[in-house]
Amino acid sequence: MTSLSLFCHVASISLLLFIGGCKKSSPSAVEPPVTTPTIPTPAGYALVWNDEFDSSAVNLNKWEYEVNGDGGGNNELQYYTSRPQNSFVQNGMLTIRALKESYLGKEYTSARMRTRSKGDWKYGRFEVRAKLPYGQGLWPAIWMLPTDWVYGGWPASGEIDIMELLGHEPWKIYGTIHYGTSPTDHQQSGASHTLPAEAATFAGEFHVFAIEWDSTTIKWFMNDIQYYSVTKSAPFDQRFHMLLNVAVGGNWPGSPNEMTVFPQEMVVDYVRVFRKK
């Protein structure tokens, strides 16, 4: 190879290496940023806890199962389990499912979940968007119990029912507080809210159930419509936690009958807790 040919050959190789190096160092395509949907926050509040149920399973860092067949103090007929047959997360929703089946001496199963020691709050706004079950004997509830029971056992330390429904009246919900010095001195205050005649039942579509609770007052809302308010301090001046469950039977709704269809489900889109700024 002549000196000129050798020079041209080396120059060609250098140029190729230079171009190749430039290609390797060029920036790759920019990935679009992953965005999280903004959670609407009521005026004057800040979000402090929530579960959007966007994972593939129930988040046990936020929820605890109560597993028993004790009847909830109301002669309920279900056995509460932690089985996936009775509660699961799918498509961004939590489902609590009541089944008619023989299980550990009971004829029905369901689930009851709570945030105790994982989410405990004194005052705030509490929102749950859910679609409810229906049928004689079904009793879904979104509610709160005291974490520390400072004033003594139920009902002395209080109970806040954000939403309860009796399955044979699937167009009506109840919001209530319970209190009193002892079970024989049980007192309560609350109201019901009924959908307009032309509207679907609470089983037919999702609705937002909420309370706003401060040092003097508790207010109840359905889709931001306030339907009740009560002025009350103690025992509602301590930490409370949230519960979600679907009971079957019991003193209030009565037992299912031959017209009751199973399975029945409460489907929860989200649970959100806000605190006043």
Protein backbone atom coordinates (compact mmCIF):
# COMPACT_ATOMS: atom_id res chain seq x y z
CA MET A 1 0.00 0.00 0.00
CA THR A 2 1.38 3.42 -1.00
CA SER A 3 1.82 6.19 1.53
CA LEU A 4 -1.11 8.07 -0.03
CA SER A 5 -3.38 5.01 0.08
CA LEU A 6 -2.41 4.30 3.68
CA PHE A 7 -3.16 7.93 4.63
CA CYS A 8 -6.61 7.82 2.97
CA HIS A 9 -7.42 4.46 4.61
CA VAL A 10 -6.51 5.73 8.10
CA ALA A 11 -8.46 8.95 7.52
CA SER A 12 -11.57 6.96 6.50
CA ILE A 13 -11.39 4.81 9.62
CA SER A 14 -10.97 7.91 11.83
CA LEU A 15 -14.00 9.54 10.22
CA LEU A 16 -16.12 6.44 10.77
CA LEU A 17 -15.05 6.20 14.41
CA PHE A 18 -15.82 9.90 14.90
CA ILE A 19 -19.29 9.54 13.36
CA GLY A 20 -19.97 6.37 15.36
CA GLY A 21 -18.92 8.10 18.57
CA CYS A 22 -21.21 11.01 17.79
CA LYS A 23 -24.15 8.65 17.26
CA LYS A 24 -23.58 6.90 20.59
CA SER A 25 -23.38 10.18 22.48
CA SER A 26 -26.54 11.66 20.92
CA PRO A 27 -29.44 11.92 23.37
CA SER A 28 -32.12 9.20 23.33
CA ALA A 29 -35.79 10.00 22.78
CA VAL A 30 -37.28 11.86 25.77
CA GLU A 31 -39.93 9.84 27.61
CA PRO A 32 -43.05 11.81 28.54
CA PRO A 33 -43.29 12.36 32.32
CA VAL A 34 -45.62 10.12 34.30
CA THR A 35 -48.35 12.26 35.84
CA THR A 36 -50.57 11.47 38.79
CA PRO A 37 -54.17 12.70 38.53
CA THR A 38 -54.80 15.67 40.80
CA ILE A 39 -57.15 14.88 43.65
CA PRO A 40 -59.76 17.63 44.05
CA THR A 41 -59.34 19.25 47.45
CA PRO A 42 -62.22 21.09 49.14
CA ALA A 43 -61.55 24.76 49.83
CA GLY A 44 -59.76 25.29 53.12
CA TYR A 45 -58.60 21.65 53.40
CA ALA A 46 -55.46 19.65 52.65
CA LEU A 47 -55.32 15.94 51.76
CA VAL A 48 -53.71 13.91 54.59
CA TRP A 49 -54.63 10.27 53.75
CA ASN A 50 -56.19 8.44 50.85
CA ASP A 51 -56.55 5.15 49.08
CA GLU A 52 -57.42 5.25 45.37
CA PHE A 53 -57.18 1.44 45.10
CA ASP A 54 -54.82 1.68 42.13
CA SER A 55 -52.67 -1.30 43.16
CA SER A 56 -53.39 -4.96 42.47
CA ALA A 57 -54.30 -5.89 46.06
CA VAL A 58 -55.64 -4.46 49.29
CA ASN A 59 -52.94 -2.25 50.84
CA LEU A 60 -52.31 -3.77 54.26
CA ASN A 61 -50.27 -0.72 55.24
CA LYS A 62 -53.59 1.14 55.22
CA TRP A 63 -56.17 -1.51 56.09
CA GLU A 64 -56.62 -4.27 58.63
CA TYR A 65 -59.17 -7.09 58.40
CA GLU A 66 -61.45 -8.03 61.25
CA VAL A 67 -61.93 -11.79 61.00
CA ASN A 68 -64.75 -13.23 63.12
CA GLY A 69 -68.31 -14.48 63.24
CA ASP A 70 -69.28 -12.56 66.36
CA GLY A 71 -72.30 -10.85 64.85
CA GLY A 72 -71.04 -7.29 65.33
CA GLY A 73 -73.07 -6.87 68.51
CA ASN A 74 -76.22 -6.81 66.35
CA ASN A 75 -76.92 -10.54 65.83
CA GLU A 76 -75.59 -10.31 62.26
CA LEU A 77 -75.47 -13.54 60.28
CA GLN A 78 -72.18 -13.29 58.36
CA TYR A 79 -68.64 -14.52 59.04
CA TYR A 80 -66.14 -11.78 58.21
CA THR A 81 -63.07 -13.13 56.40
CA SER A 82 -59.86 -11.84 54.82
CA ARG A 83 -60.29 -14.15 51.82
CA PRO A 84 -60.11 -12.75 48.27
CA GLN A 85 -63.57 -14.22 47.70
CA ASN A 86 -64.94 -11.55 50.05
CA SER A 87 -62.73 -8.56 49.23
CA PHE A 88 -60.40 -7.66 46.41
CA VAL A 89 -59.00 -4.77 44.37
CA GLN A 90 -59.58 -4.73 40.63
CA ASN A 91 -59.68 -2.01 37.96
CA GLY A 92 -58.98 0.72 40.51
CA MET A 93 -61.84 -0.30 42.82
CA LEU A 94 -62.18 -2.11 46.12
CA THR A 95 -64.99 -4.66 46.21
CA ILE A 96 -66.44 -6.05 49.45
CA ARG A 97 -68.57 -9.05 48.50
CA ALA A 98 -71.22 -10.80 50.60
CA LEU A 99 -71.78 -14.45 49.69
CA LYS A 100 -74.39 -16.99 50.66
CA GLU A 101 -72.32 -20.04 51.66
CA SER A 102 -71.74 -22.31 54.64
CA TYR A 103 -68.58 -21.19 56.43
CA LEU A 104 -67.48 -21.95 60.00
CA GLY A 105 -71.03 -22.35 61.22
CA LYS A 106 -72.45 -19.32 59.38
CA GLU A 107 -74.63 -19.18 56.27
CA TYR A 108 -73.07 -16.02 54.84
CA THR A 109 -69.59 -14.50 54.45
CA SER A 110 -68.41 -10.94 53.90
CA ALA A 111 -65.54 -8.60 54.87
CA ARG A 112 -65.00 -5.84 57.40
CA MET A 113 -61.93 -3.59 57.05
CA ARG A 114 -60.59 -0.80 59.24
CA THR A 115 -57.75 1.74 59.35
CA ARG A 116 -57.07 1.48 63.11
CA SER A 117 -53.43 2.32 63.94
CA LYS A 118 -52.85 2.87 60.20
CA GLY A 119 -55.14 5.88 59.84
CA ASP A 120 -56.50 7.63 62.94
CA TRP A 121 -57.76 11.21 62.95
CA LYS A 122 -59.25 13.88 65.17
CA TYR A 123 -61.44 16.10 62.98
CA GLY A 124 -61.45 16.56 59.21
CA ARG A 125 -63.44 15.86 56.08
CA PHE A 126 -63.92 12.18 55.21
CA GLU A 127 -65.06 11.18 51.71
CA VAL A 128 -65.90 7.78 50.22
CA ARG A 129 -67.16 7.27 46.67
CA ALA A 130 -69.04 4.00 46.48
CA LYS A 131 -71.81 1.97 44.91
CA LEU A 132 -73.90 -0.04 47.38
CA PRO A 133 -75.55 -3.48 47.55
CA TYR A 134 -79.29 -4.03 47.68
CA GLY A 135 -81.84 -6.59 48.86
CA GLN A 136 -83.58 -7.57 52.07
CA GLY A 137 -81.06 -8.25 54.84
CA LEU A 138 -78.10 -6.35 53.33
CA TRP A 139 -76.51 -3.69 55.54
CA PRO A 140 -73.50 -1.84 54.07
CA ALA A 141 -71.75 0.73 56.27
CA ILE A 142 -69.05 3.39 56.03
CA TRP A 143 -68.35 4.49 59.58
CA MET A 144 -65.91 5.43 62.35
CA LEU A 145 -65.02 4.15 65.81
CA PRO A 146 -62.76 5.59 68.52
CA THR A 147 -59.18 4.38 68.46
CA ASP A 148 -58.40 4.90 72.15
CA TRP A 149 -61.82 4.48 73.85
CA VAL A 150 -60.96 7.27 76.29
CA TYR A 151 -64.50 7.53 77.66
CA GLY A 152 -65.08 3.77 78.04
CA GLY A 153 -66.72 1.01 76.01
CA TRP A 154 -69.48 1.42 73.45
CA PRO A 155 -71.32 3.76 73.24
CA ALA A 156 -69.53 5.96 75.80
CA SER A 157 -66.60 6.78 73.48
CA GLY A 158 -68.88 7.37 70.51
CA GLU A 159 -69.55 6.08 66.99
CA ILE A 160 -69.88 8.09 63.77
CA ASP A 161 -71.84 6.50 60.92
CA ILE A 162 -70.94 8.30 57.70
CA MET A 163 -73.35 6.13 55.70
CA GLU A 164 -75.59 3.15 56.38
CA LEU A 165 -78.18 1.61 54.09
CA LEU A 166 -80.86 -1.04 54.54
CA GLY A 167 -80.95 -3.19 51.45
CA HIS A 168 -84.75 -3.31 51.18
CA GLU A 169 -84.72 0.51 50.82
CA PRO A 170 -81.82 1.02 48.39
CA TRP A 171 -82.80 4.64 47.72
CA LYS A 172 -82.29 5.81 51.33
CA ILE A 173 -79.13 6.33 53.42
CA TYR A 174 -78.62 7.22 57.08
CA GLY A 175 -76.05 9.38 58.88
CA THR A 176 -75.88 9.00 62.66
CA ILE A 177 -73.80 9.44 65.80
CA HIS A 178 -74.08 7.14 68.83
CA TYR A 179 -73.08 8.03 72.39
CA GLY A 180 -74.18 7.64 76.01
CA THR A 181 -72.78 6.51 79.32
CA SER A 182 -73.56 2.80 78.83
CA PRO A 183 -75.46 0.42 76.54
CA THR A 184 -78.58 0.98 78.64
CA ASP A 185 -78.10 4.75 78.21
CA HIS A 186 -77.51 4.53 74.45
CA GLN A 187 -78.35 7.81 72.70
CA GLN A 188 -78.19 8.73 69.05
CA SER A 189 -78.74 11.63 66.69
CA GLY A 190 -79.05 11.43 62.94
CA ALA A 191 -81.10 11.74 59.78
CA SER A 192 -81.83 9.96 56.51
CA HIS A 193 -81.44 11.17 52.94
CA THR A 194 -83.56 9.84 50.08
CA LEU A 195 -82.82 10.02 46.37
CA PRO A 196 -85.37 11.84 44.21
CA ALA A 197 -88.09 9.63 42.77
CA GLU A 198 -86.65 9.88 39.25
CA ALA A 199 -83.12 8.96 40.35
CA ALA A 200 -81.61 5.48 40.39
CA THR A 201 -80.95 3.64 43.64
CA PHE A 202 -77.66 3.82 45.51
CA ALA A 203 -76.99 0.36 44.05
CA GLY A 204 -77.28 1.65 40.50
CA GLU A 205 -74.47 4.19 40.41
CA PHE A 206 -71.64 5.73 42.44
CA HIS A 207 -72.21 8.49 44.99
CA VAL A 208 -69.89 10.39 47.33
CA PHE A 209 -70.66 10.03 51.04
CA ALA A 210 -68.90 12.48 53.38
CA ILE A 211 -68.80 14.12 56.77
CA GLU A 212 -67.10 17.28 57.99
CA TRP A 213 -66.20 17.01 61.66
CA ASP A 214 -64.67 19.65 63.92
CA SER A 215 -64.55 20.48 67.63
CA THR A 216 -68.23 21.43 67.82
CA THR A 217 -70.10 20.09 64.80
CA ILE A 218 -70.51 17.08 62.50
CA LYS A 219 -72.14 17.59 59.08
CA TRP A 220 -73.28 14.88 56.64
CA PHE A 221 -73.17 15.16 52.85
CA MET A 222 -74.26 13.14 49.84
CA ASN A 223 -72.67 14.37 46.60
CA ASP A 224 -71.89 17.64 48.42
CA ILE A 225 -75.54 18.07 49.42
CA GLN A 226 -75.63 18.62 53.19
CA TYR A 227 -78.56 16.75 54.70
CA TYR A 228 -77.84 16.84 58.43
CA SER A 229 -75.78 18.61 61.09
CA VAL A 230 -75.39 18.05 64.82
CA THR A 231 -73.60 20.09 67.49
CA LYS A 232 -71.67 17.80 69.81
CA SER A 233 -68.24 17.84 71.43
CA ALA A 234 -67.32 14.98 73.80
CA PRO A 235 -66.94 12.11 73.18
CA PHE A 236 -66.21 13.23 69.62
CA ASP A 237 -63.04 15.05 70.66
CA GLN A 238 -60.68 12.07 70.32
CA ARG A 239 -59.05 10.04 67.53
CA PHE A 240 -61.32 7.90 65.36
CA HIS A 241 -60.56 5.44 62.55
CA MET A 242 -62.61 4.34 59.53
CA LEU A 243 -64.41 1.08 58.80
CA LEU A 244 -65.92 -0.41 55.64
CA ASN A 245 -68.14 -3.47 55.76
CA VAL A 246 -71.19 -5.24 54.36
CA ALA A 247 -73.21 -6.97 57.07
CA VAL A 248 -75.87 -9.59 56.38
CA GLY A 249 -78.91 -9.67 58.64
CA GLY A 250 -78.99 -8.27 62.15
CA ASN A 251 -81.37 -6.51 64.46
CA TRP A 252 -81.94 -3.50 62.20
CA PRO A 253 -82.26 -4.83 58.62
CA GLY A 254 -83.63 -8.28 59.48
CA SER A 255 -82.63 -11.47 57.70
CA PRO A 256 -82.43 -12.07 53.96
CA ASN A 257 -85.44 -13.72 52.36
CA GLU A 258 -86.10 -15.80 49.26
CA MET A 259 -86.03 -12.64 47.12
CA THR A 260 -82.53 -11.60 48.20
CA VAL A 261 -79.98 -12.14 45.44
CA PHE A 262 -76.36 -13.14 46.20
CA PRO A 263 -73.57 -12.25 45.76
CA GLN A 264 -74.00 -8.62 46.75
CA GLU A 265 -71.21 -6.03 46.58
CA MET A 266 -70.15 -2.66 47.89
CA VAL A 267 -67.72 -1.22 45.33
CA VAL A 268 -65.48 1.60 46.58
CA ASP A 269 -63.74 3.95 44.16
CA TYR A 270 -61.74 5.89 46.77
CA VAL A 271 -61.40 6.86 50.42
CA ARG A 272 -60.00 10.34 51.19
CA VAL A 273 -59.29 12.22 54.38
CA PHE A 274 -58.73 15.98 54.46
CA ARG A 275 -57.70 18.22 57.34
CA LYS A 276 -58.47 21.94 57.69
CA LYS A 277 -55.48 24.13 56.85
